[in-house]
């Protein structure tokens, strides 16, 4: 089948993230504006849960917060 690519056996963060980092640098994504007309905001990270056990819900929440900030 033409155009079929093989999926890597393991995720290689160095290969994947280096491409994204280059893309973000080209788009000037790391530049912060000194002055903005937008209203400031903050996202508060809640304290760890009482059991101290991390689970997928924590990862999902932090991922969503990260997406909102970016």
PDB file of N, CA and C in Angstrom:
ATOM      1  N   UNK A   1       0.845  -1.178   0.000  1.00  0.00           N
ATOM      2  CA  UNK A   1       0.000   0.000   0.000  1.00  0.00           C
ATOM      3  C   UNK A   1       0.888   1.239   0.000  1.00  0.00           C
ATOM      4  N   UNK A   2       0.651   2.133  -0.901  1.00  0.00           N
ATOM      5  CA  UNK A   2       1.463   3.330  -1.034  1.00  0.00           C
ATOM      6  C   UNK A   2       1.090   4.361   0.030  1.00  0.00           C
ATOM      7  N   UNK A   3       2.098   5.065   0.569  1.00  0.00           N
ATOM      8  CA  UNK A   3       1.848   6.087   1.558  1.00  0.00           C
ATOM      9  C   UNK A   3       1.710   5.569   2.978  1.00  0.00           C
ATOM     10  N   UNK A   4       1.836   4.272   3.160  1.00  0.00           N
ATOM     11  CA  UNK A   4       1.708   3.684   4.492  1.00  0.00           C
ATOM     12  C   UNK A   4       3.030   3.854   5.235  1.00  0.00           C
ATOM     13  N   UNK A   5       2.967   4.340   6.475  1.00  0.00           N
ATOM     14  CA  UNK A   5       4.176   4.502   7.283  1.00  0.00           C
ATOM     15  C   UNK A   5       4.122   3.569   8.476  1.00  0.00           C
ATOM     16  N   UNK A   6       5.279   3.159   8.905  1.00  0.00           N
ATOM     17  CA  UNK A   6       5.393   2.258  10.040  1.00  0.00           C
ATOM     18  C   UNK A   6       5.384   3.073  11.337  1.00  0.00           C
ATOM     19  N   UNK A   7       4.589   2.663  12.289  1.00  0.00           N
ATOM     20  CA  UNK A   7       4.532   3.311  13.586  1.00  0.00           C
ATOM     21  C   UNK A   7       5.711   2.830  14.423  1.00  0.00           C
ATOM     22  N   UNK A   8       6.412   3.764  15.034  1.00  0.00           N
ATOM     23  CA  UNK A   8       7.572   3.415  15.851  1.00  0.00           C
ATOM     24  C   UNK A   8       7.148   2.558  17.041  1.00  0.00           C
ATOM     25  N   UNK A   9       8.021   1.672  17.452  1.00  0.00           N
ATOM     26  CA  UNK A   9       7.731   0.798  18.585  1.00  0.00           C
ATOM     27  C   UNK A   9       7.674   1.583  19.888  1.00  0.00           C
ATOM     28  N   UNK A  10       8.455   2.656  19.963  1.00  0.00           N
ATOM     29  CA  UNK A  10       8.481   3.490  21.163  1.00  0.00           C
ATOM     30  C   UNK A  10       8.406   4.956  20.774  1.00  0.00           C
ATOM     31  N   UNK A  11       7.840   5.759  21.657  1.00  0.00           N
ATOM     32  CA  UNK A  11       7.759   7.206  21.465  1.00  0.00           C
ATOM     33  C   UNK A  11       9.134   7.803  21.720  1.00  0.00           C
ATOM     34  N   UNK A  12       9.648   8.543  20.749  1.00  0.00           N
ATOM     35  CA  UNK A  12      10.948   9.197  20.901  1.00  0.00           C
ATOM     36  C   UNK A  12      10.713  10.692  21.077  1.00  0.00           C
ATOM     37  N   UNK A  13      10.726  11.138  22.318  1.00  0.00           N
ATOM     38  CA  UNK A  13      10.436  12.548  22.599  1.00  0.00           C
ATOM     39  C   UNK A  13      11.454  13.485  21.966  1.00  0.00           C
ATOM     40  N   UNK A  14      12.698  13.047  21.824  1.00  0.00           N
ATOM     41  CA  UNK A  14      13.720  13.927  21.234  1.00  0.00           C
ATOM     42  C   UNK A  14      13.390  14.264  19.793  1.00  0.00           C
ATOM     43  N   UNK A  15      12.943  13.285  19.043  1.00  0.00           N
ATOM     44  CA  UNK A  15      12.615  13.506  17.632  1.00  0.00           C
ATOM     45  C   UNK A  15      11.335  14.338  17.502  1.00  0.00           C
ATOM     46  N   UNK A  16      10.321  13.996  18.260  1.00  0.00           N
ATOM     47  CA  UNK A  16       9.032  14.682  18.158  1.00  0.00           C
ATOM     48  C   UNK A  16       9.130  16.105  18.691  1.00  0.00           C
ATOM     49  N   UNK A  17       9.681  16.275  19.882  1.00  0.00           N
ATOM     50  CA  UNK A  17       9.716  17.587  20.500  1.00  0.00           C
ATOM     51  C   UNK A  17      10.673  18.536  19.802  1.00  0.00           C
ATOM     52  N   UNK A  18      11.734  18.032  19.199  1.00  0.00           N
ATOM     53  CA  UNK A  18      12.644  18.928  18.479  1.00  0.00           C
ATOM     54  C   UNK A  18      11.946  19.566  17.283  1.00  0.00           C
ATOM     55  N   UNK A  19      11.079  18.804  16.598  1.00  0.00           N
ATOM     56  CA  UNK A  19      10.313  19.381  15.477  1.00  0.00           C
ATOM     57  C   UNK A  19       9.352  20.450  15.974  1.00  0.00           C
ATOM     58  N   UNK A  20       8.652  20.167  17.067  1.00  0.00           N
ATOM     59  CA  UNK A  20       7.709  21.152  17.604  1.00  0.00           C
ATOM     60  C   UNK A  20       8.450  22.387  18.107  1.00  0.00           C
ATOM     61  N   UNK A  21       9.582  22.196  18.769  1.00  0.00           N
ATOM     62  CA  UNK A  21      10.340  23.335  19.298  1.00  0.00           C
ATOM     63  C   UNK A  21      10.765  24.255  18.165  1.00  0.00           C
ATOM     64  N   UNK A  22      11.254  23.678  17.073  1.00  0.00           N
ATOM     65  CA  UNK A  22      11.642  24.484  15.908  1.00  0.00           C
ATOM     66  C   UNK A  22      10.435  25.252  15.359  1.00  0.00           C
ATOM     67  N   UNK A  23       9.282  24.600  15.273  1.00  0.00           N
ATOM     68  CA  UNK A  23       8.064  25.240  14.787  1.00  0.00           C
ATOM     69  C   UNK A  23       7.680  26.416  15.691  1.00  0.00           C
ATOM     70  N   UNK A  24       7.717  26.185  17.015  1.00  0.00           N
ATOM     71  CA  UNK A  24       7.355  27.249  17.957  1.00  0.00           C
ATOM     72  C   UNK A  24       8.327  28.421  17.866  1.00  0.00           C
ATOM     73  N   UNK A  25       9.622  28.129  17.691  1.00  0.00           N
ATOM     74  CA  UNK A  25      10.591  29.211  17.555  1.00  0.00           C
ATOM     75  C   UNK A  25      10.347  30.010  16.278  1.00  0.00           C
ATOM     76  N   UNK A  26      10.035  29.339  15.172  1.00  0.00           N
ATOM     77  CA  UNK A  26       9.751  30.030  13.916  1.00  0.00           C
ATOM     78  C   UNK A  26       8.520  30.930  14.041  1.00  0.00           C
ATOM     79  N   UNK A  27       7.541  30.504  14.819  1.00  0.00           N
ATOM     80  CA  UNK A  27       6.305  31.277  15.013  1.00  0.00           C
ATOM     81  C   UNK A  27       6.439  32.296  16.148  1.00  0.00           C
ATOM     82  N   UNK A  28       7.631  32.398  16.742  1.00  0.00           N
ATOM     83  CA  UNK A  28       7.901  33.335  17.837  1.00  0.00           C
ATOM     84  C   UNK A  28       6.975  33.079  19.033  1.00  0.00           C
ATOM     85  N   UNK A  29       6.698  31.809  19.305  1.00  0.00           N
ATOM     86  CA  UNK A  29       5.749  31.433  20.345  1.00  0.00           C
ATOM     87  C   UNK A  29       6.268  31.702  21.754  1.00  0.00           C
ATOM     88  N   UNK A  30       7.572  31.877  21.919  1.00  0.00           N
ATOM     89  CA  UNK A  30       8.136  32.080  23.248  1.00  0.00           C
ATOM     90  C   UNK A  30       8.255  33.552  23.614  1.00  0.00           C
ATOM     91  N   UNK A  31       7.828  34.416  22.709  1.00  0.00           N
ATOM     92  CA  UNK A  31       7.928  35.852  22.952  1.00  0.00           C
ATOM     93  C   UNK A  31       6.739  36.337  23.767  1.00  0.00           C
ATOM     94  N   UNK A  32       7.021  37.030  24.842  1.00  0.00           N
ATOM     95  CA  UNK A  32       5.953  37.605  25.663  1.00  0.00           C
ATOM     96  C   UNK A  32       5.860  39.101  25.391  1.00  0.00           C
ATOM     97  N   UNK A  33       4.647  39.601  25.335  1.00  0.00           N
ATOM     98  CA  UNK A  33       4.449  41.033  25.145  1.00  0.00           C
ATOM     99  C   UNK A  33       4.673  41.758  26.472  1.00  0.00           C
ATOM    100  N   UNK A  34       5.390  42.880  26.411  1.00  0.00           N
ATOM    101  CA  UNK A  34       5.618  43.667  27.625  1.00  0.00           C
ATOM    102  C   UNK A  34       4.340  44.373  28.066  1.00  0.00           C
ATOM    103  N   UNK A  35       3.561  44.822  27.087  1.00  0.00           N
ATOM    104  CA  UNK A  35       2.333  45.554  27.363  1.00  0.00           C
ATOM    105  C   UNK A  35       1.204  44.892  26.575  1.00  0.00           C
ATOM    106  N   UNK A  36       0.075  44.703  27.212  1.00  0.00           N
ATOM    107  CA  UNK A  36      -1.059  44.080  26.544  1.00  0.00           C
ATOM    108  C   UNK A  36      -2.348  44.778  26.952  1.00  0.00           C
ATOM    109  N   UNK A  37      -3.267  44.840  26.030  1.00  0.00           N
ATOM    110  CA  UNK A  37      -4.590  45.407  26.296  1.00  0.00           C
ATOM    111  C   UNK A  37      -5.502  44.386  26.982  1.00  0.00           C
ATOM    112  N   UNK A  38      -5.096  43.132  26.963  1.00  0.00           N
ATOM    113  CA  UNK A  38      -5.930  42.065  27.516  1.00  0.00           C
ATOM    114  C   UNK A  38      -5.920  42.084  29.040  1.00  0.00           C
ATOM    115  N   UNK A  39      -7.039  41.635  29.616  1.00  0.00           N
ATOM    116  CA  UNK A  39      -7.148  41.555  31.065  1.00  0.00           C
ATOM    117  C   UNK A  39      -6.271  40.411  31.592  1.00  0.00           C
ATOM    118  N   UNK A  40      -5.469  40.664  32.641  1.00  0.00           N
ATOM    119  CA  UNK A  40      -4.614  39.589  33.165  1.00  0.00           C
ATOM    120  C   UNK A  40      -5.446  38.499  33.841  1.00  0.00           C
ATOM    121  N   UNK A  41      -4.878  37.306  33.912  1.00  0.00           N
ATOM    122  CA  UNK A  41      -5.552  36.187  34.565  1.00  0.00           C
ATOM    123  C   UNK A  41      -4.507  35.259  35.150  1.00  0.00           C
ATOM    124  N   UNK A  42      -4.942  34.378  36.016  1.00  0.00           N
ATOM    125  CA  UNK A  42      -4.053  33.350  36.541  1.00  0.00           C
ATOM    126  C   UNK A  42      -4.842  32.061  36.691  1.00  0.00           C
ATOM    127  N   UNK A  43      -4.145  30.964  36.641  1.00  0.00           N
ATOM    128  CA  UNK A  43      -4.750  29.658  36.854  1.00  0.00           C
ATOM    129  C   UNK A  43      -4.105  29.070  38.104  1.00  0.00           C
ATOM    130  N   UNK A  44      -4.930  28.739  39.057  1.00  0.00           N
ATOM    131  CA  UNK A  44      -4.441  28.218  40.330  1.00  0.00           C
ATOM    132  C   UNK A  44      -4.408  26.697  40.260  1.00  0.00           C
ATOM    133  N   UNK A  45      -3.269  26.150  40.609  1.00  0.00           N
ATOM    134  CA  UNK A  45      -3.146  24.697  40.658  1.00  0.00           C
ATOM    135  C   UNK A  45      -3.536  24.253  42.068  1.00  0.00           C
ATOM    136  N   UNK A  46      -4.549  23.407  42.186  1.00  0.00           N
ATOM    137  CA  UNK A  46      -4.998  22.994  43.517  1.00  0.00           C
ATOM    138  C   UNK A  46      -3.959  22.109  44.214  1.00  0.00           C
ATOM    139  N   UNK A  47      -4.045  22.018  45.532  1.00  0.00           N
ATOM    140  CA  UNK A  47      -3.116  21.142  46.253  1.00  0.00           C
ATOM    141  C   UNK A  47      -3.378  19.680  45.902  1.00  0.00           C
ATOM    142  N   UNK A  48      -2.386  18.822  46.145  1.00  0.00           N
ATOM    143  CA  UNK A  48      -2.586  17.394  45.841  1.00  0.00           C
ATOM    144  C   UNK A  48      -3.744  16.817  46.659  1.00  0.00           C
ATOM    145  N   UNK A  49      -4.321  15.762  46.125  1.00  0.00           N
ATOM    146  CA  UNK A  49      -5.451  15.155  46.831  1.00  0.00           C
ATOM    147  C   UNK A  49      -4.989  14.493  48.138  1.00  0.00           C
ATOM    148  N   UNK A  50      -5.930  14.154  48.960  1.00  0.00           N
ATOM    149  CA  UNK A  50      -5.625  13.679  50.307  1.00  0.00           C
ATOM    150  C   UNK A  50      -4.861  12.358  50.308  1.00  0.00           C
ATOM    151  N   UNK A  51      -5.048  11.519  49.282  1.00  0.00           N
ATOM    152  CA  UNK A  51      -4.360  10.227  49.256  1.00  0.00           C
ATOM    153  C   UNK A  51      -2.919  10.354  48.786  1.00  0.00           C
ATOM    154  N   UNK A  52      -2.609  11.426  48.072  1.00  0.00           N
ATOM    155  CA  UNK A  52      -1.257  11.618  47.562  1.00  0.00           C
ATOM    156  C   UNK A  52      -0.953  10.770  46.349  1.00  0.00           C
ATOM    157  N   UNK A  53      -1.950  10.054  45.807  1.00  0.00           N
ATOM    158  CA  UNK A  53      -1.738   9.213  44.629  1.00  0.00           C
ATOM    159  C   UNK A  53      -2.136   9.971  43.367  1.00  0.00           C
ATOM    160  N   UNK A  54      -1.215  10.058  42.443  1.00  0.00           N
ATOM    161  CA  UNK A  54      -1.521  10.705  41.170  1.00  0.00           C
ATOM    162  C   UNK A  54      -2.219   9.715  40.252  1.00  0.00           C
ATOM    163  N   UNK A  55      -3.124  10.212  39.412  1.00  0.00           N
ATOM    164  CA  UNK A  55      -3.820   9.351  38.467  1.00  0.00           C
ATOM    165  C   UNK A  55      -4.046  10.122  37.169  1.00  0.00           C
ATOM    166  N   UNK A  56      -4.657   9.487  36.192  1.00  0.00           N
ATOM    167  CA  UNK A  56      -4.850  10.092  34.869  1.00  0.00           C
ATOM    168  C   UNK A  56      -5.682  11.376  34.937  1.00  0.00           C
ATOM    169  N   UNK A  57      -6.553  11.479  35.906  1.00  0.00           N
ATOM    170  CA  UNK A  57      -7.337  12.699  36.064  1.00  0.00           C
ATOM    171  C   UNK A  57      -6.461  13.910  36.322  1.00  0.00           C
ATOM    172  N   UNK A  58      -5.402  13.715  37.113  1.00  0.00           N
ATOM    173  CA  UNK A  58      -4.464  14.805  37.360  1.00  0.00           C
ATOM    174  C   UNK A  58      -3.765  15.207  36.060  1.00  0.00           C
ATOM    175  N   UNK A  59      -3.324  14.230  35.292  1.00  0.00           N
ATOM    176  CA  UNK A  59      -2.642  14.521  34.027  1.00  0.00           C
ATOM    177  C   UNK A  59      -3.572  15.261  33.074  1.00  0.00           C
ATOM    178  N   UNK A  60      -4.821  14.850  33.013  1.00  0.00           N
ATOM    179  CA  UNK A  60      -5.791  15.505  32.133  1.00  0.00           C
ATOM    180  C   UNK A  60      -6.008  16.952  32.555  1.00  0.00           C
ATOM    181  N   UNK A  61      -6.199  17.168  33.843  1.00  0.00           N
ATOM    182  CA  UNK A  61      -6.437  18.525  34.344  1.00  0.00           C
ATOM    183  C   UNK A  61      -5.267  19.443  34.037  1.00  0.00           C
ATOM    184  N   UNK A  62      -4.050  18.983  34.324  1.00  0.00           N
ATOM    185  CA  UNK A  62      -2.866  19.805  34.076  1.00  0.00           C
ATOM    186  C   UNK A  62      -2.691  20.057  32.577  1.00  0.00           C
ATOM    187  N   UNK A  63      -2.999  19.075  31.750  1.00  0.00           N
ATOM    188  CA  UNK A  63      -2.903  19.247  30.297  1.00  0.00           C
ATOM    189  C   UNK A  63      -3.888  20.306  29.814  1.00  0.00           C
ATOM    190  N   UNK A  64      -5.108  20.260  30.290  1.00  0.00           N
ATOM    191  CA  UNK A  64      -6.108  21.259  29.905  1.00  0.00           C
ATOM    192  C   UNK A  64      -5.690  22.654  30.363  1.00  0.00           C
ATOM    193  N   UNK A  65      -5.171  22.753  31.580  1.00  0.00           N
ATOM    194  CA  UNK A  65      -4.703  24.052  32.067  1.00  0.00           C
ATOM    195  C   UNK A  65      -3.560  24.574  31.193  1.00  0.00           C
ATOM    196  N   UNK A  66      -2.647  23.706  30.813  1.00  0.00           N
ATOM    197  CA  UNK A  66      -1.533  24.100  29.962  1.00  0.00           C
ATOM    198  C   UNK A  66      -2.029  24.598  28.607  1.00  0.00           C
ATOM    199  N   UNK A  67      -2.993  23.914  28.031  1.00  0.00           N
ATOM    200  CA  UNK A  67      -3.557  24.319  26.740  1.00  0.00           C
ATOM    201  C   UNK A  67      -4.226  25.686  26.867  1.00  0.00           C
ATOM    202  N   UNK A  68      -4.964  25.909  27.951  1.00  0.00           N
ATOM    203  CA  UNK A  68      -5.637  27.185  28.153  1.00  0.00           C
ATOM    204  C   UNK A  68      -4.625  28.336  28.258  1.00  0.00           C
ATOM    205  N   UNK A  69      -3.530  28.089  28.953  1.00  0.00           N
ATOM    206  CA  UNK A  69      -2.520  29.131  29.133  1.00  0.00           C
ATOM    207  C   UNK A  69      -1.849  29.473  27.817  1.00  0.00           C
ATOM    208  N   UNK A  70      -1.533  28.438  27.043  1.00  0.00           N
ATOM    209  CA  UNK A  70      -0.842  28.695  25.775  1.00  0.00           C
ATOM    210  C   UNK A  70      -1.767  29.366  24.792  1.00  0.00           C
TER     211      UNK A  70
END
